[in-house]
Amino acid sequence: MEKLTEAQIRERALNKIYAKSFFAVNKLKEILLEVEGVIPSKIGNDILRRNYESQNNEVLVLDYIMNKLKSK
């Protein structure tokens, strides 16, 4: 098996981060719908809001990593 070049590693890393970001954004949208009451939830509104903030932070971190990888 051949060793990957730096460009190949960067491309694969971007693909992984993009996939994680895609699902993180979808989860964020789902939590927002729960907070707004569109999707019924048995979880209290306080916890839903904290979940939303936490998931939003996850999206921001993944976007930051993706932008750093793209800028190299």
Protein backbone atom coordinates (compact mmCIF):
# COMPACT_ATOMS: atom_id res chain seq x y z
CA MET A 1 0.00 0.00 0.00
CA GLU A 2 1.33 3.41 -0.97
CA LYS A 3 1.82 6.22 1.46
CA LEU A 4 -0.62 9.12 1.11
CA THR A 5 0.66 12.50 0.00
CA GLU A 6 0.00 15.55 2.12
CA ALA A 7 -2.59 16.76 -0.40
CA GLN A 8 -4.42 13.42 -0.22
CA ILE A 9 -4.41 13.51 3.58
CA ARG A 10 -5.75 17.08 3.56
CA GLU A 11 -8.49 16.11 1.09
CA ARG A 12 -9.52 13.11 3.21
CA ALA A 13 -9.49 15.23 6.36
CA LEU A 14 -11.69 17.82 4.66
CA ASN A 15 -14.10 15.10 3.56
CA LYS A 16 -14.37 13.77 7.11
CA ILE A 17 -14.85 17.22 8.61
CA TYR A 18 -17.42 18.08 5.93
CA ALA A 19 -19.41 14.94 6.73
CA LYS A 20 -19.28 15.61 10.48
CA SER A 21 -20.32 19.22 9.86
CA PHE A 22 -23.22 18.13 7.63
CA PHE A 23 -24.67 15.88 10.32
CA ALA A 24 -23.95 18.42 13.08
CA VAL A 25 -25.92 21.09 11.18
CA ASN A 26 -28.81 18.67 10.66
CA LYS A 27 -28.82 17.84 14.38
CA LEU A 28 -28.78 21.57 15.17
CA LYS A 29 -31.83 22.10 12.96
CA GLU A 30 -33.60 19.20 14.66
CA ILE A 31 -32.90 20.60 18.12
CA LEU A 32 -34.16 24.01 17.00
CA LEU A 33 -37.42 22.43 15.85
CA GLU A 34 -37.72 20.80 19.28
CA VAL A 35 -37.06 24.13 21.02
CA GLU A 36 -39.72 25.81 18.86
CA GLY A 37 -42.20 23.02 19.61
CA VAL A 38 -42.52 21.83 16.01
CA ILE A 39 -41.15 18.44 17.03
CA PRO A 40 -42.66 17.26 20.33
CA SER A 41 -40.12 16.46 23.02
CA LYS A 42 -40.30 15.17 26.58
CA ILE A 43 -37.12 17.07 27.43
CA GLY A 44 -37.53 20.36 29.29
CA ASN A 45 -37.06 23.62 27.42
CA ASP A 46 -34.02 24.58 29.53
CA ILE A 47 -32.19 21.40 28.58
CA LEU A 48 -33.21 21.77 24.94
CA ARG A 49 -31.78 25.28 24.86
CA ARG A 50 -28.52 24.04 26.41
CA ASN A 51 -28.43 21.22 23.84
CA TYR A 52 -28.93 23.81 21.11
CA GLU A 53 -26.08 25.97 22.41
CA SER A 54 -23.81 22.95 22.73
CA GLN A 55 -24.61 21.72 19.22
CA ASN A 56 -24.14 25.23 17.84
CA ASN A 57 -20.67 25.31 19.41
CA GLU A 58 -19.92 21.96 17.76
CA VAL A 59 -20.90 23.37 14.37
CA LEU A 60 -18.73 26.45 14.92
CA VAL A 61 -15.70 24.33 15.86
CA LEU A 62 -16.13 22.05 12.85
CA ASP A 63 -16.48 25.08 10.55
CA TYR A 64 -13.33 26.57 12.06
CA ILE A 65 -11.38 23.34 11.47
CA MET A 66 -12.71 23.09 7.92
CA ASN A 67 -11.71 26.68 7.14
CA LYS A 68 -8.22 26.13 8.56
CA LEU A 69 -7.76 23.00 6.45
CA LYS A 70 -8.98 24.80 3.32
CA SER A 71 -6.64 27.76 3.85
CA LYS A 72 -3.52 25.59 3.78
